[in-house]
Amino acid sequence: QVQLVESGGGLVQAGGSLRLSCAASRRAISNYNMGWFRQAPGKERDFVAAITYTGGITLYADSMKGRFTISRDNANNMVYLQMNSLKPEDTAVYYCAARWATSQALGRRPSEYGIWGQGTQVTVSS
């Protein structure tokens, strides 16, 4: 099955930007809807954004709309999360996730995704 590896996290000042990457291997992601989630210490894993297998439909958590952009490059088996205007409350471990696409319905719940990467730390300083 697909294996996912995130990268691009780091330390950034408030108002700054980061671009997270999710590299897939072992299998093409062109048949998977993809999502980004995040988890802060002591908190549940929260939905950030998702994109259909074609890239034609995207979905965002309300607090990310206008600041974050999810995209994908199926030819290179990559998914991205561009994060702008970062805030200290965006500090978390960010995870890439894959869900076999039986439709273009995008899920917000972690339980709807069966494949996960190991996560990448994003820290936003004030």
PDB file of N, CA and C in Angstrom:
ATOM      1  N   GLN A   1       0.832  -1.180   0.000  1.00  0.00           N
ATOM      2  CA  GLN A   1       0.000   0.000   0.000  1.00  0.00           C
ATOM      3  C   GLN A   1       0.881   1.250   0.000  1.00  0.00           C
ATOM      4  N   VAL A   2       0.237   2.388  -0.123  1.00  0.00           N
ATOM      5  CA  VAL A   2       0.964   3.649  -0.174  1.00  0.00           C
ATOM      6  C   VAL A   2       1.715   3.903   1.132  1.00  0.00           C
ATOM      7  N   GLN A   3       2.922   4.418   1.006  1.00  0.00           N
ATOM      8  CA  GLN A   3       3.691   4.875   2.165  1.00  0.00           C
ATOM      9  C   GLN A   3       3.875   6.382   2.030  1.00  0.00           C
ATOM     10  N   LEU A   4       3.664   7.106   3.132  1.00  0.00           N
ATOM     11  CA  LEU A   4       3.684   8.563   3.098  1.00  0.00           C
ATOM     12  C   LEU A   4       4.792   9.090   3.997  1.00  0.00           C
ATOM     13  N   VAL A   5       5.509  10.092   3.517  1.00  0.00           N
ATOM     14  CA  VAL A   5       6.560  10.737   4.303  1.00  0.00           C
ATOM     15  C   VAL A   5       6.408  12.246   4.177  1.00  0.00           C
ATOM     16  N   GLU A   6       6.197  12.913   5.308  1.00  0.00           N
ATOM     17  CA  GLU A   6       6.056  14.368   5.327  1.00  0.00           C
ATOM     18  C   GLU A   6       7.410  15.037   5.519  1.00  0.00           C
ATOM     19  N   SER A   7       7.506  16.257   5.025  1.00  0.00           N
ATOM     20  CA  SER A   7       8.697  17.075   5.232  1.00  0.00           C
ATOM     21  C   SER A   7       8.311  18.537   5.105  1.00  0.00           C
ATOM     22  N   GLY A   8       9.231  19.403   5.468  1.00  0.00           N
ATOM     23  CA  GLY A   8       9.005  20.834   5.309  1.00  0.00           C
ATOM     24  C   GLY A   8       8.647  21.578   6.574  1.00  0.00           C
ATOM     25  N   GLY A   9       8.481  20.852   7.669  1.00  0.00           N
ATOM     26  CA  GLY A   9       8.179  21.523   8.921  1.00  0.00           C
ATOM     27  C   GLY A   9       9.394  22.265   9.451  1.00  0.00           C
ATOM     28  N   GLY A  10       9.166  23.048  10.494  1.00  0.00           N
ATOM     29  CA  GLY A  10      10.260  23.794  11.099  1.00  0.00           C
ATOM     30  C   GLY A  10       9.753  24.882  12.005  1.00  0.00           C
ATOM     31  N   LEU A  11      10.659  25.779  12.351  1.00  0.00           N
ATOM     32  CA  LEU A  11      10.350  26.911  13.224  1.00  0.00           C
ATOM     33  C   LEU A  11      10.202  28.162  12.371  1.00  0.00           C
ATOM     34  N   VAL A  12       9.102  28.877  12.582  1.00  0.00           N
ATOM     35  CA  VAL A  12       8.833  30.081  11.816  1.00  0.00           C
ATOM     36  C   VAL A  12       8.194  31.109  12.738  1.00  0.00           C
ATOM     37  N   GLN A  13       8.417  32.377  12.435  1.00  0.00           N
ATOM     38  CA  GLN A  13       7.793  33.428  13.231  1.00  0.00           C
ATOM     39  C   GLN A  13       6.346  33.632  12.806  1.00  0.00           C
ATOM     40  N   ALA A  14       5.564  34.143  13.719  1.00  0.00           N
ATOM     41  CA  ALA A  14       4.170  34.444  13.402  1.00  0.00           C
ATOM     42  C   ALA A  14       4.106  35.368  12.185  1.00  0.00           C
ATOM     43  N   GLY A  15       3.172  35.067  11.295  1.00  0.00           N
ATOM     44  CA  GLY A  15       3.042  35.810  10.054  1.00  0.00           C
ATOM     45  C   GLY A  15       3.823  35.216   8.908  1.00  0.00           C
ATOM     46  N   GLY A  16       4.677  34.269   9.199  1.00  0.00           N
ATOM     47  CA  GLY A  16       5.498  33.639   8.185  1.00  0.00           C
ATOM     48  C   GLY A  16       4.771  32.524   7.437  1.00  0.00           C
ATOM     49  N   SER A  17       5.518  31.859   6.567  1.00  0.00           N
ATOM     50  CA  SER A  17       4.959  30.810   5.720  1.00  0.00           C
ATOM     51  C   SER A  17       5.825  29.560   5.749  1.00  0.00           C
ATOM     52  N   LEU A  18       5.180  28.438   5.519  1.00  0.00           N
ATOM     53  CA  LEU A  18       5.867  27.164   5.333  1.00  0.00           C
ATOM     54  C   LEU A  18       5.123  26.377   4.275  1.00  0.00           C
ATOM     55  N   ARG A  19       5.853  25.535   3.584  1.00  0.00           N
ATOM     56  CA  ARG A  19       5.229  24.620   2.624  1.00  0.00           C
ATOM     57  C   ARG A  19       5.574  23.198   3.028  1.00  0.00           C
ATOM     58  N   LEU A  20       4.571  22.451   3.398  1.00  0.00           N
ATOM     59  CA  LEU A  20       4.757  21.057   3.754  1.00  0.00           C
ATOM     60  C   LEU A  20       4.609  20.188   2.513  1.00  0.00           C
ATOM     61  N   SER A  21       5.399  19.137   2.463  1.00  0.00           N
ATOM     62  CA  SER A  21       5.326  18.185   1.371  1.00  0.00           C
ATOM     63  C   SER A  21       5.022  16.802   1.915  1.00  0.00           C
ATOM     64  N   CYS A  22       4.315  16.034   1.142  1.00  0.00           N
ATOM     65  CA  CYS A  22       4.012  14.644   1.476  1.00  0.00           C
ATOM     66  C   CYS A  22       4.390  13.811   0.262  1.00  0.00           C
ATOM     67  N   ALA A  23       5.432  13.015   0.425  1.00  0.00           N
ATOM     68  CA  ALA A  23       5.912  12.168  -0.663  1.00  0.00           C
ATOM     69  C   ALA A  23       5.355  10.767  -0.494  1.00  0.00           C
ATOM     70  N   ALA A  24       4.747  10.266  -1.532  1.00  0.00           N
ATOM     71  CA  ALA A  24       4.164   8.927  -1.498  1.00  0.00           C
ATOM     72  C   ALA A  24       5.051   7.969  -2.268  1.00  0.00           C
ATOM     73  N   SER A  25       5.090   6.735  -1.781  1.00  0.00           N
ATOM     74  CA  SER A  25       5.868   5.701  -2.466  1.00  0.00           C
ATOM     75  C   SER A  25       5.112   4.381  -2.422  1.00  0.00           C
ATOM     76  N   ARG A  26       5.628   3.394  -3.111  1.00  0.00           N
ATOM     77  CA  ARG A  26       5.104   2.020  -3.196  1.00  0.00           C
ATOM     78  C   ARG A  26       3.873   1.903  -4.084  1.00  0.00           C
ATOM     79  N   ARG A  27       3.103   2.969  -4.173  1.00  0.00           N
ATOM     80  CA  ARG A  27       1.899   2.901  -4.988  1.00  0.00           C
ATOM     81  C   ARG A  27       1.518   4.323  -5.380  1.00  0.00           C
ATOM     82  N   ALA A  28       0.904   4.466  -6.533  1.00  0.00           N
ATOM     83  CA  ALA A  28       0.473   5.789  -6.992  1.00  0.00           C
ATOM     84  C   ALA A  28      -0.676   6.298  -6.128  1.00  0.00           C
ATOM     85  N   ILE A  29      -0.675   7.611  -5.870  1.00  0.00           N
ATOM     86  CA  ILE A  29      -1.735   8.206  -5.057  1.00  0.00           C
ATOM     87  C   ILE A  29      -2.903   8.694  -5.904  1.00  0.00           C
ATOM     88  N   SER A  30      -2.857   8.440  -7.197  1.00  0.00           N
ATOM     89  CA  SER A  30      -3.879   8.972  -8.087  1.00  0.00           C
ATOM     90  C   SER A  30      -5.266   8.405  -7.811  1.00  0.00           C
ATOM     91  N   ASN A  31      -5.360   7.324  -7.053  1.00  0.00           N
ATOM     92  CA  ASN A  31      -6.644   6.750  -6.685  1.00  0.00           C
ATOM     93  C   ASN A  31      -7.022   7.038  -5.236  1.00  0.00           C
ATOM     94  N   TYR A  32      -6.312   7.961  -4.618  1.00  0.00           N
ATOM     95  CA  TYR A  32      -6.552   8.273  -3.209  1.00  0.00           C
ATOM     96  C   TYR A  32      -6.963   9.728  -3.028  1.00  0.00           C
ATOM     97  N   ASN A  33      -7.989   9.947  -2.219  1.00  0.00           N
ATOM     98  CA  ASN A  33      -8.220  11.277  -1.682  1.00  0.00           C
ATOM     99  C   ASN A  33      -7.198  11.486  -0.571  1.00  0.00           C
ATOM    100  N   MET A  34      -6.682  12.700  -0.480  1.00  0.00           N
ATOM    101  CA  MET A  34      -5.606  12.975   0.459  1.00  0.00           C
ATOM    102  C   MET A  34      -6.015  14.062   1.449  1.00  0.00           C
ATOM    103  N   GLY A  35      -5.465  13.950   2.656  1.00  0.00           N
ATOM    104  CA  GLY A  35      -5.785  14.950   3.669  1.00  0.00           C
ATOM    105  C   GLY A  35      -4.573  15.341   4.484  1.00  0.00           C
ATOM    106  N   TRP A  36      -4.678  16.500   5.106  1.00  0.00           N
ATOM    107  CA  TRP A  36      -3.703  16.952   6.094  1.00  0.00           C
ATOM    108  C   TRP A  36      -4.439  17.128   7.417  1.00  0.00           C
ATOM    109  N   PHE A  37      -3.813  16.661   8.469  1.00  0.00           N
ATOM    110  CA  PHE A  37      -4.320  16.805   9.834  1.00  0.00           C
ATOM    111  C   PHE A  37      -3.197  17.352  10.702  1.00  0.00           C
ATOM    112  N   ARG A  38      -3.558  17.818  11.884  1.00  0.00           N
ATOM    113  CA  ARG A  38      -2.532  18.278  12.815  1.00  0.00           C
ATOM    114  C   ARG A  38      -2.918  17.911  14.232  1.00  0.00           C
ATOM    115  N   GLN A  39      -1.894  17.768  15.056  1.00  0.00           N
ATOM    116  CA  GLN A  39      -2.120  17.405  16.449  1.00  0.00           C
ATOM    117  C   GLN A  39      -1.159  18.171  17.335  1.00  0.00           C
ATOM    118  N   ALA A  40      -1.721  18.979  18.223  1.00  0.00           N
ATOM    119  CA  ALA A  40      -0.927  19.702  19.212  1.00  0.00           C
ATOM    120  C   ALA A  40      -0.807  18.841  20.471  1.00  0.00           C
ATOM    121  N   PRO A  41       0.216  19.091  21.282  1.00  0.00           N
ATOM    122  CA  PRO A  41       0.403  18.279  22.495  1.00  0.00           C
ATOM    123  C   PRO A  41      -0.832  18.285  23.379  1.00  0.00           C
ATOM    124  N   GLY A  42      -1.263  17.101  23.778  1.00  0.00           N
ATOM    125  CA  GLY A  42      -2.402  16.982  24.668  1.00  0.00           C
ATOM    126  C   GLY A  42      -3.755  17.182  24.023  1.00  0.00           C
ATOM    127  N   LYS A  43      -3.772  17.329  22.703  1.00  0.00           N
ATOM    128  CA  LYS A  43      -5.026  17.568  21.998  1.00  0.00           C
ATOM    129  C   LYS A  43      -5.294  16.467  20.981  1.00  0.00           C
ATOM    130  N   GLU A  44      -6.518  16.446  20.494  1.00  0.00           N
ATOM    131  CA  GLU A  44      -6.894  15.471  19.492  1.00  0.00           C
ATOM    132  C   GLU A  44      -6.317  15.865  18.123  1.00  0.00           C
ATOM    133  N   ARG A  45      -6.298  14.881  17.227  1.00  0.00           N
ATOM    134  CA  ARG A  45      -5.859  15.139  15.871  1.00  0.00           C
ATOM    135  C   ARG A  45      -6.991  15.842  15.114  1.00  0.00           C
ATOM    136  N   ASP A  46      -6.673  17.003  14.566  1.00  0.00           N
ATOM    137  CA  ASP A  46      -7.682  17.835  13.924  1.00  0.00           C
ATOM    138  C   ASP A  46      -7.512  17.892  12.408  1.00  0.00           C
ATOM    139  N   PHE A  47      -8.626  18.005  11.740  1.00  0.00           N
ATOM    140  CA  PHE A  47      -8.637  18.147  10.288  1.00  0.00           C
ATOM    141  C   PHE A  47      -8.092  19.511   9.882  1.00  0.00           C
ATOM    142  N   VAL A  48      -7.281  19.518   8.816  1.00  0.00           N
ATOM    143  CA  VAL A  48      -6.756  20.773   8.275  1.00  0.00           C
ATOM    144  C   VAL A  48      -7.310  21.005   6.873  1.00  0.00           C
ATOM    145  N   ALA A  49      -7.085  20.053   5.980  1.00  0.00           N
ATOM    146  CA  ALA A  49      -7.501  20.221   4.582  1.00  0.00           C
ATOM    147  C   ALA A  49      -7.530  18.863   3.908  1.00  0.00           C
ATOM    148  N   ALA A  50      -8.275  18.779   2.806  1.00  0.00           N
ATOM    149  CA  ALA A  50      -8.333  17.553   2.029  1.00  0.00           C
ATOM    150  C   ALA A  50      -8.513  17.892   0.561  1.00  0.00           C
ATOM    151  N   ILE A  51      -8.156  16.930  -0.290  1.00  0.00           N
ATOM    152  CA  ILE A  51      -8.237  17.142  -1.735  1.00  0.00           C
ATOM    153  C   ILE A  51      -8.615  15.825  -2.399  1.00  0.00           C
ATOM    154  N   THR A  52      -9.477  15.902  -3.409  1.00  0.00           N
ATOM    155  CA  THR A  52      -9.895  14.699  -4.103  1.00  0.00           C
ATOM    156  C   THR A  52      -8.773  14.137  -4.958  1.00  0.00           C
ATOM    157  N   TYR A  53      -8.956  12.884  -5.393  1.00  0.00           N
ATOM    158  CA  TYR A  53      -7.908  12.201  -6.140  1.00  0.00           C
ATOM    159  C   TYR A  53      -7.561  12.909  -7.456  1.00  0.00           C
ATOM    160  N   THR A  54      -8.532  13.648  -8.010  1.00  0.00           N
ATOM    161  CA  THR A  54      -8.264  14.410  -9.236  1.00  0.00           C
ATOM    162  C   THR A  54      -7.669  15.777  -8.945  1.00  0.00           C
ATOM    163  N   GLY A  55      -7.774  16.215  -7.712  1.00  0.00           N
ATOM    164  CA  GLY A  55      -7.363  17.573  -7.361  1.00  0.00           C
ATOM    165  C   GLY A  55      -8.410  18.613  -7.641  1.00  0.00           C
ATOM    166  N   GLY A  56      -9.570  18.179  -8.085  1.00  0.00           N
ATOM    167  CA  GLY A  56     -10.581  19.134  -8.501  1.00  0.00           C
ATOM    168  C   GLY A  56     -11.401  19.743  -7.384  1.00  0.00           C
ATOM    169  N   ILE A  57     -11.429  19.089  -6.243  1.00  0.00           N
ATOM    170  CA  ILE A  57     -12.216  19.578  -5.106  1.00  0.00           C
ATOM    171  C   ILE A  57     -11.326  19.612  -3.873  1.00  0.00           C
ATOM    172  N   THR A  58     -11.412  20.708  -3.132  1.00  0.00           N
ATOM    173  CA  THR A  58     -10.667  20.843  -1.888  1.00  0.00           C
ATOM    174  C   THR A  58     -11.610  21.218  -0.760  1.00  0.00           C
ATOM    175  N   LEU A  59     -11.178  20.929   0.444  1.00  0.00           N
ATOM    176  CA  LEU A  59     -11.975  21.197   1.636  1.00  0.00           C
ATOM    177  C   LEU A  59     -11.015  21.663   2.723  1.00  0.00           C
ATOM    178  N   TYR A  60     -11.444  22.683   3.491  1.00  0.00           N
ATOM    179  CA  TYR A  60     -10.595  23.234   4.535  1.00  0.00           C
ATOM    180  C   TYR A  60     -11.355  23.366   5.842  1.00  0.00           C
ATOM    181  N   ALA A  61     -10.622  23.237   6.933  1.00  0.00           N
ATOM    182  CA  ALA A  61     -11.184  23.610   8.224  1.00  0.00           C
ATOM    183  C   ALA A  61     -11.389  25.126   8.213  1.00  0.00           C
ATOM    184  N   ASP A  62     -12.389  25.585   8.913  1.00  0.00           N
ATOM    185  CA  ASP A  62     -12.748  27.001   8.866  1.00  0.00           C
ATOM    186  C   ASP A  62     -11.581  27.917   9.234  1.00  0.00           C
ATOM    187  N   SER A  63     -10.802  27.525  10.207  1.00  0.00           N
ATOM    188  CA  SER A  63      -9.726  28.400  10.682  1.00  0.00           C
ATOM    189  C   SER A  63      -8.546  28.475   9.698  1.00  0.00           C
ATOM    190  N   MET A  64      -8.529  27.599   8.695  1.00  0.00           N
ATOM    191  CA  MET A  64      -7.455  27.578   7.716  1.00  0.00           C
ATOM    192  C   MET A  64      -7.839  28.231   6.395  1.00  0.00           C
ATOM    193  N   LYS A  65      -9.111  28.461   6.196  1.00  0.00           N
ATOM    194  CA  LYS A  65      -9.556  29.035   4.930  1.00  0.00           C
ATOM    195  C   LYS A  65      -8.892  30.388   4.686  1.00  0.00           C
ATOM    196  N   GLY A  66      -8.371  30.542   3.491  1.00  0.00           N
ATOM    197  CA  GLY A  66      -7.718  31.788   3.137  1.00  0.00           C
ATOM    198  C   GLY A  66      -6.256  31.861   3.530  1.00  0.00           C
ATOM    199  N   ARG A  67      -5.816  30.959   4.392  1.00  0.00           N
ATOM    200  CA  ARG A  67      -4.409  30.948   4.819  1.00  0.00           C
ATOM    201  C   ARG A  67      -3.651  29.734   4.291  1.00  0.00           C
ATOM    202  N   PHE A  68      -4.326  28.584   4.246  1.00  0.00           N
ATOM    203  CA  PHE A  68      -3.695  27.346   3.816  1.00  0.00           C
ATOM    204  C   PHE A  68      -4.230  26.934   2.439  1.00  0.00           C
ATOM    205  N   THR A  69      -3.356  26.288   1.668  1.00  0.00           N
ATOM    206  CA  THR A  69      -3.755  25.764   0.363  1.00  0.00           C
ATOM    207  C   THR A  69      -3.207  24.359   0.195  1.00  0.00           C
ATOM    208  N   ILE A  70      -4.098  23.416  -0.071  1.00  0.00           N
ATOM    209  CA  ILE A  70      -3.681  22.047  -0.350  1.00  0.00           C
ATOM    210  C   ILE A  70      -3.629  21.856  -1.863  1.00  0.00           C
ATOM    211  N   SER A  71      -2.642  21.101  -2.311  1.00  0.00           N
ATOM    212  CA  SER A  71      -2.510  20.812  -3.738  1.00  0.00           C
ATOM    213  C   SER A  71      -1.845  19.452  -3.890  1.00  0.00           C
ATOM    214  N   ARG A  72      -1.877  18.952  -5.111  1.00  0.00           N
ATOM    215  CA  ARG A  72      -1.262  17.649  -5.354  1.00  0.00           C
ATOM    216  C   ARG A  72      -0.668  17.591  -6.745  1.00  0.00           C
ATOM    217  N   ASP A  73       0.308  16.720  -6.904  1.00  0.00           N
ATOM    218  CA  ASP A  73       0.956  16.470  -8.186  1.00  0.00           C
ATOM    219  C   ASP A  73       0.991  14.965  -8.356  1.00  0.00           C
ATOM    220  N   ASN A  74      -0.028  14.427  -8.998  1.00  0.00           N
ATOM    221  CA  ASN A  74      -0.130  12.974  -9.127  1.00  0.00           C
ATOM    222  C   ASN A  74       1.006  12.400  -9.964  1.00  0.00           C
ATOM    223  N   ALA A  75       1.483  13.159 -10.908  1.00  0.00           N
ATOM    224  CA  ALA A  75       2.567  12.655 -11.760  1.00  0.00           C
ATOM    225  C   ALA A  75       3.822  12.364 -10.951  1.00  0.00           C
ATOM    226  N   ASN A  76       4.022  13.148  -9.881  1.00  0.00           N
ATOM    227  CA  ASN A  76       5.200  12.969  -9.037  1.00  0.00           C
ATOM    228  C   ASN A  76       4.867  12.387  -7.668  1.00  0.00           C
ATOM    229  N   ASN A  77       3.616  11.973  -7.512  1.00  0.00           N
ATOM    230  CA  ASN A  77       3.197  11.310  -6.267  1.00  0.00           C
ATOM    231  C   ASN A  77       3.413  12.193  -5.039  1.00  0.00           C
ATOM    232  N   MET A  78       3.038  13.456  -5.165  1.00  0.00           N
ATOM    233  CA  MET A  78       3.262  14.421  -4.093  1.00  0.00           C
ATOM    234  C   MET A  78       1.970  15.146  -3.720  1.00  0.00           C
ATOM    235  N   VAL A  79       1.884  15.502  -2.449  1.00  0.00           N
ATOM    236  CA  VAL A  79       0.809  16.353  -1.946  1.00  0.00           C
ATOM    237  C   VAL A  79       1.466  17.476  -1.141  1.00  0.00           C
ATOM    238  N   TYR A  80       0.891  18.664  -1.221  1.00  0.00           N
ATOM    239  CA  TYR A  80       1.495  19.822  -0.568  1.00  0.00           C
ATOM    240  C   TYR A  80       0.477  20.547   0.307  1.00  0.00           C
ATOM    241  N   LEU A  81       1.011  21.248   1.296  1.00  0.00           N
ATOM    242  CA  LEU A  81       0.194  22.159   2.098  1.00  0.00           C
ATOM    243  C   LEU A  81       0.973  23.464   2.235  1.00  0.00           C
ATOM    244  N   GLN A  82       0.506  24.481   1.539  1.00  0.00           N
ATOM    245  CA  GLN A  82       1.097  25.812   1.655  1.00  0.00           C
ATOM    246  C   GLN A  82       0.411  26.534   2.804  1.00  0.00           C
ATOM    247  N   MET A  83       1.201  26.978   3.766  1.00  0.00           N
ATOM    248  CA  MET A  83       0.654  27.631   4.950  1.00  0.00           C
ATOM    249  C   MET A  83       1.187  29.051   5.036  1.00  0.00           C
ATOM    250  N   ASN A  84       0.297  30.001   4.987  1.00  0.00           N
ATOM    251  CA  ASN A  84       0.659  31.415   5.063  1.00  0.00           C
ATOM    252  C   ASN A  84       0.041  32.049   6.307  1.00  0.00           C
ATOM    253  N   SER A  85       0.543  33.224   6.661  1.00  0.00           N
ATOM    254  CA  SER A  85       0.019  33.969   7.818  1.00  0.00           C
ATOM    255  C   SER A  85      -0.065  33.072   9.043  1.00  0.00           C
ATOM    256  N   LEU A  86       0.991  32.373   9.312  1.00  0.00           N
ATOM    257  CA  LEU A  86       0.979  31.407  10.409  1.00  0.00           C
ATOM    258  C   LEU A  86       0.850  32.098  11.760  1.00  0.00           C
ATOM    259  N   LYS A  87       0.165  31.402  12.657  1.00  0.00           N
ATOM    260  CA  LYS A  87      -0.092  31.897  14.004  1.00  0.00           C
ATOM    261  C   LYS A  87       0.490  30.922  15.019  1.00  0.00           C
ATOM    262  N   PRO A  88       0.794  31.389  16.222  1.00  0.00           N
ATOM    263  CA  PRO A  88       1.299  30.457  17.244  1.00  0.00           C
ATOM    264  C   PRO A  88       0.378  29.264  17.471  1.00  0.00           C
ATOM    265  N   GLU A  89      -0.919  29.474  17.339  1.00  0.00           N
ATOM    266  CA  GLU A  89      -1.862  28.369  17.547  1.00  0.00           C
ATOM    267  C   GLU A  89      -1.828  27.328  16.420  1.00  0.00           C
ATOM    268  N   ASP A  90      -1.075  27.593  15.364  1.00  0.00           N
ATOM    269  CA  ASP A  90      -0.879  26.592  14.312  1.00  0.00           C
ATOM    270  C   ASP A  90       0.219  25.600  14.676  1.00  0.00           C
ATOM    271  N   THR A  91       0.890  25.828  15.784  1.00  0.00           N
ATOM    272  CA  THR A  91       1.949  24.922  16.219  1.00  0.00           C
ATOM    273  C   THR A  91       1.379  23.537  16.498  1.00  0.00           C
ATOM    274  N   ALA A  92       1.968  22.525  15.846  1.00  0.00           N
ATOM    275  CA  ALA A  92       1.473  21.153  15.968  1.00  0.00           C
ATOM    276  C   ALA A  92       2.351  20.242  15.118  1.00  0.00           C
ATOM    277  N   VAL A  93       2.135  18.960  15.270  1.00  0.00           N
ATOM    278  CA  VAL A  93       2.676  17.990  14.320  1.00  0.00           C
ATOM    279  C   VAL A  93       1.644  17.833  13.207  1.00  0.00           C
ATOM    280  N   TYR A  94       2.099  17.967  11.971  1.00  0.00           N
ATOM    281  CA  TYR A  94       1.221  17.899  10.814  1.00  0.00           C
ATOM    282  C   TYR A  94       1.397  16.541  10.134  1.00  0.00           C
ATOM    283  N   TYR A  95       0.254  15.900   9.849  1.00  0.00           N
ATOM    284  CA  TYR A  95       0.244  14.573   9.260  1.00  0.00           C
ATOM    285  C   TYR A  95      -0.445  14.583   7.903  1.00  0.00           C
ATOM    286  N   CYS A  96       0.131  13.816   7.001  1.00  0.00           N
ATOM    287  CA  CYS A  96      -0.477  13.555   5.698  1.00  0.00           C
ATOM    288  C   CYS A  96      -1.218  12.221   5.792  1.00  0.00           C
ATOM    289  N   ALA A  97      -2.370  12.116   5.147  1.00  0.00           N
ATOM    290  CA  ALA A  97      -3.165  10.901   5.221  1.00  0.00           C
ATOM    291  C   ALA A  97      -3.801  10.597   3.871  1.00  0.00           C
ATOM    292  N   ALA A  98      -4.029   9.318   3.615  1.00  0.00           N
ATOM    293  CA  ALA A  98      -4.605   8.876   2.352  1.00  0.00           C
ATOM    294  C   ALA A  98      -5.841   8.023   2.593  1.00  0.00           C
ATOM    295  N   ARG A  99      -6.790   8.188   1.705  1.00  0.00           N
ATOM    296  CA  ARG A  99      -8.031   7.429   1.764  1.00  0.00           C
ATOM    297  C   ARG A  99      -8.373   6.974   0.353  1.00  0.00           C
ATOM    298  N   TRP A 100      -8.573   5.649   0.189  1.00  0.00           N
ATOM    299  CA  TRP A 100      -8.925   5.125  -1.117  1.00  0.00           C
ATOM    300  C   TRP A 100     -10.182   5.823  -1.613  1.00  0.00           C
ATOM    301  N   ALA A 101     -10.135   6.320  -2.837  1.00  0.00           N
ATOM    302  CA  ALA A 101     -11.213   7.153  -3.357  1.00  0.00           C
ATOM    303  C   ALA A 101     -12.298   6.334  -4.026  1.00  0.00           C
ATOM    304  N   THR A 102     -13.380   6.075  -3.293  1.00  0.00           N
ATOM    305  CA  THR A 102     -14.555   5.444  -3.893  1.00  0.00           C
ATOM    306  C   THR A 102     -15.504   6.505  -4.445  1.00  0.00           C
ATOM    307  N   SER A 103     -15.247   7.751  -4.057  1.00  0.00           N
ATOM    308  CA  SER A 103     -16.044   8.866  -4.546  1.00  0.00           C
ATOM    309  C   SER A 103     -15.222  10.133  -4.354  1.00  0.00           C
ATOM    310  N   GLN A 104     -15.838  11.276  -4.663  1.00  0.00           N
ATOM    311  CA  GLN A 104     -15.171  12.560  -4.433  1.00  0.00           C
ATOM    312  C   GLN A 104     -15.616  13.199  -3.123  1.00  0.00           C
ATOM    313  N   ALA A 105     -16.228  12.396  -2.268  1.00  0.00           N
ATOM    314  CA  ALA A 105     -16.593  12.895  -0.943  1.00  0.00           C
ATOM    315  C   ALA A 105     -15.341  12.948  -0.075  1.00  0.00           C
ATOM    316  N   LEU A 106     -15.088  14.095   0.520  1.00  0.00           N
ATOM    317  CA  LEU A 106     -13.887  14.280   1.328  1.00  0.00           C
ATOM    318  C   LEU A 106     -14.223  14.165   2.808  1.00  0.00           C
ATOM    319  N   GLY A 107     -13.386  13.460   3.538  1.00  0.00           N
ATOM    320  CA  GLY A 107     -13.625  13.238   4.956  1.00  0.00           C
ATOM    321  C   GLY A 107     -12.864  14.210   5.837  1.00  0.00           C
ATOM    322  N   ARG A 108     -13.472  14.549   6.974  1.00  0.00           N
ATOM    323  CA  ARG A 108     -12.834  15.406   7.961  1.00  0.00           C
ATOM    324  C   ARG A 108     -12.351  14.642   9.181  1.00  0.00           C
ATOM    325  N   ARG A 109     -12.756  13.405   9.301  1.00  0.00           N
ATOM    326  CA  ARG A 109     -12.429  12.639  10.498  1.00  0.00           C
ATOM    327  C   ARG A 109     -11.190  11.773  10.273  1.00  0.00           C
ATOM    328  N   PRO A 110     -10.277  11.736  11.241  1.00  0.00           N
ATOM    329  CA  PRO A 110      -9.092  10.886  11.091  1.00  0.00           C
ATOM    330  C   PRO A 110      -9.444   9.430  10.809  1.00  0.00           C
ATOM    331  N   SER A 111     -10.557   8.950  11.358  1.00  0.00           N
ATOM    332  CA  SER A 111     -10.936   7.542  11.192  1.00  0.00           C
ATOM    333  C   SER A 111     -11.281   7.197   9.751  1.00  0.00           C
ATOM    334  N   GLU A 112     -11.503   8.207   8.933  1.00  0.00           N
ATOM    335  CA  GLU A 112     -11.842   7.961   7.528  1.00  0.00           C
ATOM    336  C   GLU A 112     -10.606   7.733   6.657  1.00  0.00           C
ATOM    337  N   TYR A 113      -9.442   7.929   7.223  1.00  0.00           N
ATOM    338  CA  TYR A 113      -8.196   7.772   6.475  1.00  0.00           C
ATOM    339  C   TYR A 113      -7.426   6.579   7.031  1.00  0.00           C
ATOM    340  N   GLY A 114      -6.996   5.710   6.141  1.00  0.00           N
ATOM    341  CA  GLY A 114      -6.370   4.472   6.585  1.00  0.00           C
ATOM    342  C   GLY A 114      -4.858   4.459   6.539  1.00  0.00           C
ATOM    343  N   ILE A 115      -4.274   5.451   5.879  1.00  0.00           N
ATOM    344  CA  ILE A 115      -2.830   5.463   5.705  1.00  0.00           C
ATOM    345  C   ILE A 115      -2.304   6.812   6.179  1.00  0.00           C
ATOM    346  N   TRP A 116      -1.258   6.763   6.993  1.00  0.00           N
ATOM    347  CA  TRP A 116      -0.720   7.977   7.615  1.00  0.00           C
ATOM    348  C   TRP A 116       0.797   8.035   7.483  1.00  0.00           C
ATOM    349  N   GLY A 117       1.296   9.261   7.409  1.00  0.00           N
ATOM    350  CA  GLY A 117       2.723   9.468   7.511  1.00  0.00           C
ATOM    351  C   GLY A 117       3.136   9.604   8.967  1.00  0.00           C
ATOM    352  N   GLN A 118       4.411   9.861   9.189  1.00  0.00           N
ATOM    353  CA  GLN A 118       4.940   9.924  10.550  1.00  0.00           C
ATOM    354  C   GLN A 118       4.812  11.316  11.150  1.00  0.00           C
ATOM    355  N   GLY A 119       4.514  12.305  10.336  1.00  0.00           N
ATOM    356  CA  GLY A 119       4.301  13.661  10.819  1.00  0.00           C
ATOM    357  C   GLY A 119       5.541  14.533  10.714  1.00  0.00           C
ATOM    358  N   THR A 120       5.307  15.839  10.653  1.00  0.00           N
ATOM    359  CA  THR A 120       6.385  16.815  10.647  1.00  0.00           C
ATOM    360  C   THR A 120       6.006  17.958  11.590  1.00  0.00           C
ATOM    361  N   GLN A 121       6.958  18.379  12.413  1.00  0.00           N
ATOM    362  CA  GLN A 121       6.680  19.383  13.432  1.00  0.00           C
ATOM    363  C   GLN A 121       6.694  20.789  12.832  1.00  0.00           C
ATOM    364  N   VAL A 122       5.665  21.547  13.141  1.00  0.00           N
ATOM    365  CA  VAL A 122       5.598  22.962  12.786  1.00  0.00           C
ATOM    366  C   VAL A 122       5.498  23.758  14.085  1.00  0.00           C
ATOM    367  N   THR A 123       6.415  24.692  14.269  1.00  0.00           N
ATOM    368  CA  THR A 123       6.408  25.534  15.459  1.00  0.00           C
ATOM    369  C   THR A 123       6.391  26.991  15.027  1.00  0.00           C
ATOM    370  N   VAL A 124       5.385  27.716  15.508  1.00  0.00           N
ATOM    371  CA  VAL A 124       5.238  29.125  15.159  1.00  0.00           C
ATOM    372  C   VAL A 124       5.482  29.950  16.414  1.00  0.00           C
ATOM    373  N   SER A 125       6.490  30.784  16.369  1.00  0.00           N
ATOM    374  CA  SER A 125       6.819  31.604  17.532  1.00  0.00           C
ATOM    375  C   SER A 125       6.130  32.960  17.440  1.00  0.00           C
ATOM    376  N   SER A 126       5.822  33.506  18.600  1.00  0.00           N
ATOM    377  CA  SER A 126       5.117  34.798  18.633  1.00  0.00           C
ATOM    378  C   SER A 126       6.091  35.962  18.664  1.00  0.00           C
TER     379      SER A 126
END
